[in-house]
Amino acid sequence: MGMVIIILTINIVYVSFFTVRMILTLKGQKFLAAALSSIEVMIYVIGLGLVLDNLNDIQNLIAYAAGYALGVLLGSKIEEMLALGYVTVKVITNHFDEQLPNKLRDVGFGVTSWLGEGRDGPRLMMEILTRRKRQQELYNHIIAYDSKAFIISHEPRHFHGGFWVKGIKRKDDISQIINDDNLPGVTEKTVQEVIEKTEGENKSPNKDATY
């Protein structure tokens, strides 16, 4: 019985790390994911070794499988509690309050609003960017305003510019990307190369021109 509990516990911990690591990888948190993977593989080797040494006991295999399933659930729950990253929320409502976008901005949400046209008339459209930790708070604000508002959300992996990005400095009106995690592959060097190439093309004489 003791071996069953050990195998179950090890596999729950391992798969929890595995699940969180996969989610971090998808969210672009590569360094944190790499750190977790080193712990994950050690736990995996220990757990697998225990199972292989005790294959003659069916309860050990059952414990290994049950631990895997519970680990997926626990890992997903941990990720929800960490609430890493951002979420973009699109809101459509037929209630018009010109102050609502400003009210949301005042409490720290990035809001872009405009008027749209629905089947039954005009609609107030809002696209809102927020940290996942404040997602429920945002929903509460929207539902308090209009309980029948249409809400759809998705998680952006990368974004650049606007209200949220803090890693951009401007020098001589040229955007210099300091944090390349926002747009993978984009750095100050690559931006400068494109600018220099464009300027060179603009300065070159037109070969098709007639004199």
Protein backbone atom coordinates (compact mmCIF):
# COMPACT_ATOMS: atom_id res chain seq x y z
CA MET A 1 0.00 0.00 0.00
CA GLY A 2 2.86 2.33 0.76
CA MET A 3 4.33 1.88 -2.71
CA VAL A 4 0.95 2.70 -4.29
CA ILE A 5 0.76 6.00 -2.41
CA ILE A 6 4.34 6.89 -3.34
CA ILE A 7 3.80 6.18 -7.04
CA LEU A 8 0.49 8.05 -7.03
CA THR A 9 2.02 11.10 -5.34
CA ILE A 10 5.11 11.19 -7.56
CA ASN A 11 3.05 10.99 -10.73
CA ILE A 12 0.64 13.70 -9.57
CA VAL A 13 3.59 16.01 -8.90
CA TYR A 14 5.32 15.11 -12.17
CA VAL A 15 2.29 15.60 -14.40
CA SER A 16 1.42 18.85 -12.59
CA PHE A 17 4.87 20.17 -13.47
CA PHE A 18 4.48 18.84 -17.01
CA THR A 19 1.09 20.54 -17.50
CA VAL A 20 2.25 23.88 -16.10
CA ARG A 21 5.44 23.70 -18.18
CA MET A 22 3.48 23.10 -21.38
CA ILE A 23 1.17 26.03 -20.63
CA LEU A 24 4.15 28.28 -19.90
CA THR A 25 5.75 27.24 -23.18
CA LEU A 26 2.60 28.12 -25.12
CA LYS A 27 2.49 31.49 -23.36
CA GLY A 28 6.07 32.27 -24.34
CA GLN A 29 7.53 31.95 -20.82
CA LYS A 30 10.48 29.94 -22.16
CA PHE A 31 12.98 30.48 -19.33
CA LEU A 32 10.54 29.58 -16.56
CA ALA A 33 9.38 26.58 -18.59
CA ALA A 34 13.00 25.43 -19.00
CA ALA A 35 13.60 25.70 -15.26
CA LEU A 36 10.50 23.63 -14.50
CA SER A 37 11.47 21.01 -17.07
CA SER A 38 14.69 20.17 -15.20
CA ILE A 39 12.69 19.41 -12.04
CA GLU A 40 10.02 17.62 -14.04
CA VAL A 41 12.42 15.15 -15.66
CA MET A 42 14.01 14.20 -12.32
CA ILE A 43 10.60 13.42 -10.84
CA TYR A 44 9.69 11.49 -13.97
CA VAL A 45 12.79 9.28 -13.80
CA ILE A 46 12.17 8.50 -10.13
CA GLY A 47 8.50 7.67 -10.69
CA LEU A 48 9.11 5.58 -13.80
CA GLY A 49 11.88 3.66 -12.06
CA LEU A 50 9.56 2.74 -9.18
CA VAL A 51 6.88 1.51 -11.58
CA LEU A 52 9.30 -0.54 -13.69
CA ASP A 53 10.71 -2.18 -10.56
CA ASN A 54 7.21 -3.18 -9.43
CA LEU A 55 5.43 -4.16 -12.67
CA ASN A 56 4.26 -7.40 -11.11
CA ASP A 57 1.76 -5.47 -8.96
CA ILE A 58 -1.27 -4.28 -10.93
CA GLN A 59 -2.17 -1.73 -8.26
CA ASN A 60 1.07 0.12 -9.01
CA LEU A 61 0.11 0.51 -12.67
CA ILE A 62 -3.35 1.71 -11.66
CA ALA A 63 -1.78 4.22 -9.24
CA TYR A 64 0.53 5.46 -12.01
CA ALA A 65 -2.40 5.99 -14.41
CA ALA A 66 -4.59 7.60 -11.74
CA GLY A 67 -1.74 9.91 -10.73
CA TYR A 68 -1.36 11.02 -14.35
CA ALA A 69 -5.03 12.00 -14.60
CA LEU A 70 -5.02 13.81 -11.25
CA GLY A 71 -1.79 15.59 -12.20
CA VAL A 72 -3.39 17.05 -15.34
CA LEU A 73 -6.27 18.41 -13.26
CA LEU A 74 -3.97 19.80 -10.57
CA GLY A 75 -1.59 21.36 -13.10
CA SER A 76 -4.48 23.12 -14.86
CA LYS A 77 -5.77 24.38 -11.52
CA ILE A 78 -2.33 25.73 -10.58
CA GLU A 79 -2.10 27.59 -13.90
CA GLU A 80 -5.54 29.12 -13.30
CA MET A 81 -4.42 30.30 -9.86
CA LEU A 82 -1.21 31.80 -11.29
CA ALA A 83 -3.30 33.49 -14.05
CA LEU A 84 -0.26 34.26 -16.18
CA GLY A 85 -0.41 36.48 -19.23
CA TYR A 86 -3.08 38.72 -20.70
CA VAL A 87 -6.53 38.33 -22.18
CA THR A 88 -8.34 40.35 -24.83
CA VAL A 89 -12.08 40.74 -24.20
CA LYS A 90 -14.51 41.89 -26.87
CA VAL A 91 -17.80 43.30 -25.62
CA ILE A 92 -20.95 44.12 -27.61
CA THR A 93 -23.83 45.86 -25.87
CA ASN A 94 -26.91 47.81 -26.94
CA HIS A 95 -26.67 49.98 -23.82
CA PHE A 96 -25.04 53.30 -24.58
CA ASP A 97 -22.97 55.04 -21.96
CA GLU A 98 -20.20 57.22 -23.34
CA GLN A 99 -18.53 57.22 -19.94
CA LEU A 100 -18.23 53.43 -19.62
CA PRO A 101 -14.97 53.11 -21.62
CA ASN A 102 -13.45 55.92 -19.56
CA LYS A 103 -14.63 54.30 -16.33
CA LEU A 104 -12.88 51.08 -17.31
CA ARG A 105 -9.74 52.99 -18.27
CA ASP A 106 -9.77 54.76 -14.91
CA VAL A 107 -9.52 51.42 -13.09
CA GLY A 108 -6.61 50.25 -15.24
CA PHE A 109 -8.07 48.47 -18.27
CA GLY A 110 -6.93 49.25 -21.81
CA VAL A 111 -10.09 49.98 -23.83
CA THR A 112 -10.74 50.75 -27.48
CA SER A 113 -14.39 51.56 -28.23
CA TRP A 114 -16.47 52.33 -31.30
CA LEU A 115 -20.06 52.18 -32.56
CA GLY A 116 -21.12 49.12 -34.54
CA GLU A 117 -24.27 48.11 -36.34
CA GLY A 118 -26.21 45.01 -35.26
CA ARG A 119 -29.34 43.37 -36.65
CA ASP A 120 -31.58 45.45 -34.39
CA GLY A 121 -29.65 48.71 -34.49
CA PRO A 122 -26.44 50.33 -33.26
CA ARG A 123 -24.21 48.69 -30.67
CA LEU A 124 -21.42 49.87 -28.39
CA MET A 125 -18.31 47.82 -29.20
CA MET A 126 -15.34 47.56 -26.87
CA GLU A 127 -12.06 45.70 -27.12
CA ILE A 128 -10.37 45.46 -23.74
CA LEU A 129 -6.91 44.21 -22.79
CA THR A 130 -6.31 43.09 -19.23
CA ARG A 131 -4.12 40.82 -17.16
CA ARG A 132 -5.71 37.43 -16.56
CA LYS A 133 -5.57 38.09 -12.81
CA ARG A 134 -8.13 40.88 -13.33
CA GLN A 135 -10.30 39.05 -15.86
CA GLN A 136 -13.07 38.24 -13.37
CA GLU A 137 -13.04 41.84 -12.12
CA LEU A 138 -13.55 43.07 -15.68
CA TYR A 139 -16.45 40.68 -16.21
CA ASN A 140 -18.09 41.98 -13.04
CA HIS A 141 -17.86 45.57 -14.32
CA ILE A 142 -19.39 44.61 -17.66
CA ILE A 143 -22.22 42.48 -16.27
CA ALA A 144 -23.07 45.18 -13.72
CA TYR A 145 -23.46 47.56 -16.65
CA ASP A 146 -25.37 45.18 -18.95
CA SER A 147 -26.24 41.65 -17.80
CA LYS A 148 -27.05 40.69 -21.42
CA ALA A 149 -23.83 41.98 -22.96
CA PHE A 150 -22.15 39.67 -25.47
CA ILE A 151 -18.64 38.84 -24.26
CA ILE A 152 -15.94 36.85 -26.03
CA SER A 153 -12.31 36.54 -24.98
CA HIS A 154 -9.03 35.12 -26.23
CA GLU A 155 -5.41 35.16 -25.12
CA PRO A 156 -2.93 37.12 -27.27
CA ARG A 157 0.53 35.53 -27.34
CA HIS A 158 2.36 38.65 -28.52
CA PHE A 159 1.59 42.32 -28.77
CA HIS A 160 3.45 45.54 -29.38
CA GLY A 161 2.86 49.22 -28.71
CA GLY A 162 -0.15 50.82 -27.10
CA PHE A 163 -1.09 51.27 -23.47
CA TRP A 164 0.59 48.18 -21.98
CA VAL A 165 4.06 47.87 -23.45
CA LYS A 166 6.70 49.27 -21.10
CA GLY A 167 9.76 47.96 -22.92
CA ILE A 168 9.85 50.54 -25.73
CA LYS A 169 11.91 53.71 -25.76
CA ARG A 170 11.78 56.34 -28.43
CA LYS A 171 14.92 58.02 -29.72
CA ASP A 172 14.82 60.34 -32.72
CA ASP A 173 11.31 59.01 -33.48
CA ILE A 174 12.65 55.47 -33.98
CA SER A 175 11.07 52.69 -31.91
CA GLN A 176 13.77 50.60 -30.27
CA ILE A 177 12.55 47.23 -29.05
CA ILE A 178 14.10 46.45 -25.69
CA ASN A 179 12.08 43.37 -24.73
CA ASP A 180 12.06 40.95 -27.67
CA ASP A 181 9.57 38.65 -25.92
CA ASN A 182 6.73 40.88 -27.09
CA LEU A 183 7.48 40.21 -30.77
CA PRO A 184 9.75 37.18 -31.28
CA GLY A 185 12.62 37.83 -33.64
CA VAL A 186 12.22 41.60 -33.46
CA THR A 187 15.15 43.43 -31.90
CA GLU A 188 16.65 46.89 -32.06
CA LYS A 189 19.15 45.55 -34.61
CA THR A 190 16.54 44.05 -36.97
CA VAL A 191 14.40 47.20 -36.82
CA GLN A 192 17.43 49.38 -37.60
CA GLU A 193 18.37 47.14 -40.55
CA VAL A 194 14.91 47.57 -42.08
CA ILE A 195 15.04 51.35 -41.55
CA GLU A 196 18.49 51.62 -43.19
CA LYS A 197 17.39 49.44 -46.11
CA THR A 198 14.27 51.52 -46.64
CA GLU A 199 16.19 54.78 -46.46
CA GLY A 200 18.72 53.42 -48.97
CA GLU A 201 15.98 52.47 -51.43
CA ASN A 202 14.39 55.90 -51.09
CA LYS A 203 17.71 57.64 -51.81
CA SER A 204 18.63 55.47 -54.82
CA PRO A 205 17.93 57.03 -58.25
CA ASN A 206 15.00 55.75 -60.28
CA LYS A 207 16.50 53.49 -62.97
CA ASP A 208 13.41 53.90 -65.19
CA ALA A 209 13.52 57.67 -65.17
CA THR A 210 14.21 59.48 -68.47
CA TYR A 211 16.32 62.57 -68.73
